[in-house]
C-alpha atoms as a PDB file:
ATOM      1  CA  MET A   1      -8.538   3.623  -3.520  1.00  0.00           C
ATOM      2  CA  ALA A   2      -7.666   7.070  -2.201  1.00  0.00           C
ATOM      3  CA  THR A   3      -5.025   5.837   0.437  1.00  0.00           C
ATOM      4  CA  SER A   4      -1.747   4.447  -1.060  1.00  0.00           C
ATOM      5  CA  LEU A   5       1.007   2.656   0.810  1.00  0.00           C
ATOM      6  CA  GLY A   6       3.536   5.485   0.370  1.00  0.00           C
ATOM      7  CA  ALA A   7       1.336   8.558   0.990  1.00  0.00           C
ATOM      8  CA  ASN A   8      -0.487   7.590   4.118  1.00  0.00           C
ATOM      9  CA  THR A   9       1.514   6.273   7.017  1.00  0.00           C
ATOM     10  CA  TYR A  10      -1.125   7.140   9.733  1.00  0.00           C
ATOM     11  CA  ASN A  11      -2.407   3.871  11.317  1.00  0.00           C
ATOM     12  CA  ARG A  12      -0.880   1.488   8.531  1.00  0.00           C
ATOM     13  CA  GLN A  13      -0.033  -1.100  11.290  1.00  0.00           C
ATOM     14  CA  ASN A  14      -3.632  -1.756  11.790  1.00  0.00           C
ATOM     15  CA  TRP A  15      -4.200  -2.515   8.004  1.00  0.00           C
ATOM     16  CA  GLU A  16      -5.027  -6.197   7.503  1.00  0.00           C
ATOM     17  CA  ASP A  17      -2.581  -8.668   5.608  1.00  0.00           C
ATOM     18  CA  ALA A  18      -3.771 -12.102   5.687  1.00  0.00           C
ATOM     19  CA  ASP A  19      -2.549 -15.208   4.175  1.00  0.00           C
ATOM     20  CA  PHE A  20      -6.126 -17.043   3.912  1.00  0.00           C
ATOM     21  CA  PRO A  21      -9.714 -15.808   4.137  1.00  0.00           C
ATOM     22  CA  ILE A  22     -12.443 -16.931   6.567  1.00  0.00           C
ATOM     23  CA  LEU A  23     -14.952 -18.671   4.403  1.00  0.00           C
ATOM     24  CA  CYS A  24     -17.794 -20.856   4.827  1.00  0.00           C
ATOM     25  CA  GLN A  25     -17.793 -24.330   3.144  1.00  0.00           C
ATOM     26  CA  THR A  26     -20.484 -23.149   0.410  1.00  0.00           C
ATOM     27  CA  CYS A  27     -18.031 -20.145  -0.404  1.00  0.00           C
ATOM     28  CA  LEU A  28     -15.049 -22.210  -0.696  1.00  0.00           C
ATOM     29  CA  GLY A  29     -16.399 -24.880  -3.026  1.00  0.00           C
ATOM     30  CA  GLU A  30     -16.066 -28.684  -3.176  1.00  0.00           C
ATOM     31  CA  ASN A  31     -12.896 -28.875  -5.201  1.00  0.00           C
ATOM     32  CA  PRO A  32      -9.854 -29.145  -2.752  1.00  0.00           C
ATOM     33  CA  TYR A  33      -7.536 -27.661  -5.404  1.00  0.00           C
ATOM     34  CA  ILE A  34      -8.363 -24.012  -6.058  1.00  0.00           C
ATOM     35  CA  ARG A  35      -6.344 -21.189  -7.453  1.00  0.00           C
ATOM     36  CA  MET A  36      -6.738 -18.117  -5.350  1.00  0.00           C
ATOM     37  CA  THR A  37      -5.311 -14.740  -6.162  1.00  0.00           C
ATOM     38  CA  LYS A  38      -4.249 -12.345  -3.280  1.00  0.00           C
ATOM     39  CA  GLU A  39      -4.328  -8.597  -3.565  1.00  0.00           C
ATOM     40  CA  LYS A  40      -2.877  -6.700  -0.544  1.00  0.00           C
ATOM     41  CA  TYR A  41      -4.899  -3.611   0.613  1.00  0.00           C
ATOM     42  CA  GLY A  42      -6.975  -4.136  -2.399  1.00  0.00           C
ATOM     43  CA  LYS A  43     -10.590  -2.643  -1.021  1.00  0.00           C
ATOM     44  CA  GLU A  44     -11.945  -1.093   1.891  1.00  0.00           C
ATOM     45  CA  CYS A  45     -14.080  -3.091   4.423  1.00  0.00           C
ATOM     46  CA  LYS A  46     -17.690  -2.879   3.961  1.00  0.00           C
ATOM     47  CA  ILE A  47     -18.108  -2.534   7.790  1.00  0.00           C
ATOM     48  CA  CYS A  48     -15.035  -0.659   9.117  1.00  0.00           C
ATOM     49  CA  ALA A  49     -13.855   0.987   5.898  1.00  0.00           C
ATOM     50  CA  ARG A  50     -10.074  -0.186   6.577  1.00  0.00           C
ATOM     51  CA  PRO A  51      -8.230  -1.687   3.748  1.00  0.00           C
ATOM     52  CA  PHE A  52      -7.764  -5.299   3.671  1.00  0.00           C
ATOM     53  CA  THR A  53      -6.388  -8.163   1.638  1.00  0.00           C
ATOM     54  CA  VAL A  54      -8.772  -9.125  -1.082  1.00  0.00           C
ATOM     55  CA  PHE A  55      -8.841 -12.883  -2.050  1.00  0.00           C
ATOM     56  CA  ARG A  56     -10.438 -13.928  -5.314  1.00  0.00           C
ATOM     57  CA  TRP A  57     -11.238 -17.548  -6.750  1.00  0.00           C
ATOM     58  CA  CYS A  58     -13.652 -19.789  -8.460  1.00  0.00           C
ATOM     59  CA  PRO A  59     -15.201 -22.324  -6.363  1.00  0.00           C
ATOM     60  CA  GLY A  60     -15.961 -24.821  -9.159  1.00  0.00           C
ATOM     61  CA  VAL A  61     -16.684 -25.538 -12.751  1.00  0.00           C
ATOM     62  CA  ARG A  62     -19.148 -23.127 -14.300  1.00  0.00           C
ATOM     63  CA  MET A  63     -19.303 -21.073 -11.257  1.00  0.00           C
ATOM     64  CA  ARG A  64     -18.783 -17.225 -10.938  1.00  0.00           C
ATOM     65  CA  PHE A  65     -15.788 -15.829  -9.352  1.00  0.00           C
ATOM     66  CA  LYS A  66     -15.966 -14.904  -5.620  1.00  0.00           C
ATOM     67  CA  LYS A  67     -14.091 -12.362  -3.671  1.00  0.00           C
ATOM     68  CA  THR A  68     -13.834 -11.299   0.023  1.00  0.00           C
ATOM     69  CA  GLU A  69     -15.904  -8.127   1.008  1.00  0.00           C
ATOM     70  CA  VAL A  70     -15.034  -7.546   4.739  1.00  0.00           C
ATOM     71  CA  CYS A  71     -11.928  -7.620   6.589  1.00  0.00           C
ATOM     72  CA  GLN A  72     -10.883 -10.524   8.926  1.00  0.00           C
ATOM     73  CA  THR A  73     -11.248  -8.530  12.078  1.00  0.00           C
ATOM     74  CA  CYS A  74     -14.971  -7.791  11.248  1.00  0.00           C
ATOM     75  CA  SER A  75     -15.401 -11.216  10.275  1.00  0.00           C
ATOM     76  CA  LYS A  76     -14.060 -12.440  13.633  1.00  0.00           C
ATOM     77  CA  LEU A  77     -16.080 -10.126  15.579  1.00  0.00           C
ATOM     78  CA  LYS A  78     -19.364 -10.908  13.911  1.00  0.00           C
ATOM     79  CA  ASN A  79     -18.544 -14.591  13.320  1.00  0.00           C
ATOM     80  CA  VAL A  80     -19.436 -14.475   9.460  1.00  0.00           C
ATOM     81  CA  CYS A  81     -18.028 -15.520   6.436  1.00  0.00           C
ATOM     82  CA  GLN A  82     -15.828 -12.780   4.564  1.00  0.00           C
ATOM     83  CA  THR A  83     -17.750 -13.479   1.322  1.00  0.00           C
ATOM     84  CA  CYS A  84     -21.307 -14.001   1.812  1.00  0.00           C
ATOM     85  CA  LEU A  85     -21.597 -12.671   5.153  1.00  0.00           C
ATOM     86  CA  LEU A  86     -23.611 -15.498   6.588  1.00  0.00           C
ATOM     87  CA  ASP A  87     -23.050 -16.723   9.980  1.00  0.00           C
ATOM     88  CA  LEU A  88     -20.399 -19.516  10.373  1.00  0.00           C
ATOM     89  CA  GLU A  89     -22.143 -21.518  12.772  1.00  0.00           C
ATOM     90  CA  TYR A  90     -25.640 -21.414  11.732  1.00  0.00           C
ATOM     91  CA  GLY A  91     -25.542 -20.244   7.995  1.00  0.00           C
ATOM     92  CA  LEU A  92     -27.951 -17.407   8.713  1.00  0.00           C
ATOM     93  CA  PRO A  93     -27.809 -13.773   7.701  1.00  0.00           C
ATOM     94  CA  ILE A  94     -26.191 -11.425  10.324  1.00  0.00           C
ATOM     95  CA  GLN A  95     -29.506  -9.618  11.111  1.00  0.00           C
ATOM     96  CA  VAL A  96     -31.698 -12.863  11.555  1.00  0.00           C
ATOM     97  CA  ARG A  97     -29.013 -14.267  13.789  1.00  0.00           C
ATOM     98  CA  ASP A  98     -28.699 -11.223  15.834  1.00  0.00           C
ATOM     99  CA  THR A  99     -32.560 -10.942  16.452  1.00  0.00           C
ATOM    100  CA  SER A 100     -33.218 -14.573  17.058  1.00  0.00           C
ATOM    101  CA  LEU A 101     -30.321 -14.822  19.452  1.00  0.00           C
ATOM    102  CA  SER A 102     -31.060 -11.131  20.899  1.00  0.00           C
ATOM    103  CA  ILE A 103     -27.558 -10.093  20.333  1.00  0.00           C
ATOM    104  CA  LYS A 104     -27.066  -6.287  20.251  1.00  0.00           C
ATOM    105  CA  ASP A 105     -24.846  -4.641  17.640  1.00  0.00           C
ATOM    106  CA  ASP A 106     -22.449  -2.092  19.736  1.00  0.00           C
ATOM    107  CA  MET A 107     -20.437  -0.815  16.900  1.00  0.00           C
ATOM    108  CA  PRO A 108     -20.124   2.889  16.614  1.00  0.00           C
ATOM    109  CA  LYS A 109     -21.347   4.722  13.654  1.00  0.00           C
ATOM    110  CA  SER A 110     -18.894   7.671  13.315  1.00  0.00           C
ATOM    111  CA  ASP A 111     -15.413   7.096  11.706  1.00  0.00           C
ATOM    112  CA  VAL A 112     -13.198   7.919  14.472  1.00  0.00           C
ATOM    113  CA  ASN A 113     -15.068   5.967  17.042  1.00  0.00           C
ATOM    114  CA  LYS A 114     -15.566   3.072  14.536  1.00  0.00           C
ATOM    115  CA  GLU A 115     -11.580   3.012  13.944  1.00  0.00           C
ATOM    116  CA  PHE A 116     -11.130   3.228  17.874  1.00  0.00           C
ATOM    117  CA  TYR A 117     -13.689   0.375  18.518  1.00  0.00           C
ATOM    118  CA  THR A 118     -12.039  -1.748  15.723  1.00  0.00           C
ATOM    119  CA  GLN A 119      -8.498  -1.469  16.959  1.00  0.00           C
ATOM    120  CA  ASN A 120      -9.552  -2.128  20.574  1.00  0.00           C
ATOM    121  CA  MET A 121     -11.607  -5.408  19.320  1.00  0.00           C
ATOM    122  CA  GLU A 122      -8.754  -6.313  16.992  1.00  0.00           C
ATOM    123  CA  ARG A 123      -6.287  -6.330  20.146  1.00  0.00           C
ATOM    124  CA  GLU A 124      -8.725  -8.628  22.248  1.00  0.00           C
ATOM    125  CA  VAL A 125      -9.311 -11.142  19.345  1.00  0.00           C
ATOM    126  CA  ILE A 126      -5.594 -11.412  18.976  1.00  0.00           C
ATOM    127  CA  PHE A 127      -5.163 -12.171  22.519  1.00  0.00           C
ATOM    128  CA  LEU A 128      -8.038 -14.713  22.780  1.00  0.00           C
END
């Protein structure tokens, strides 16, 4: 990753440092005793491009390892699993859910506007 903890102090207070991911039951697996690795600021979020904590685990015997792909802020805003990006309530892909429920995606496309929007929405999510 291009931005390191020591080099970039701009906006670091908004970087995500989580204790446990937001997951659907399928991604979590049926075993109640899983080992999960945690890597602080391990990847960029696929949606907002901010560093976030990456979790990696194996959900069961003879299954492949899974890892988180988006940050918790984007996951909470869109109500999706951090790994498979399926809706937590209905289990549908985001695009199918949004078209069937006629939800409009109002997230900006440019980098600066996306960062500003994410910061404001994160503040709203915390206070809810």
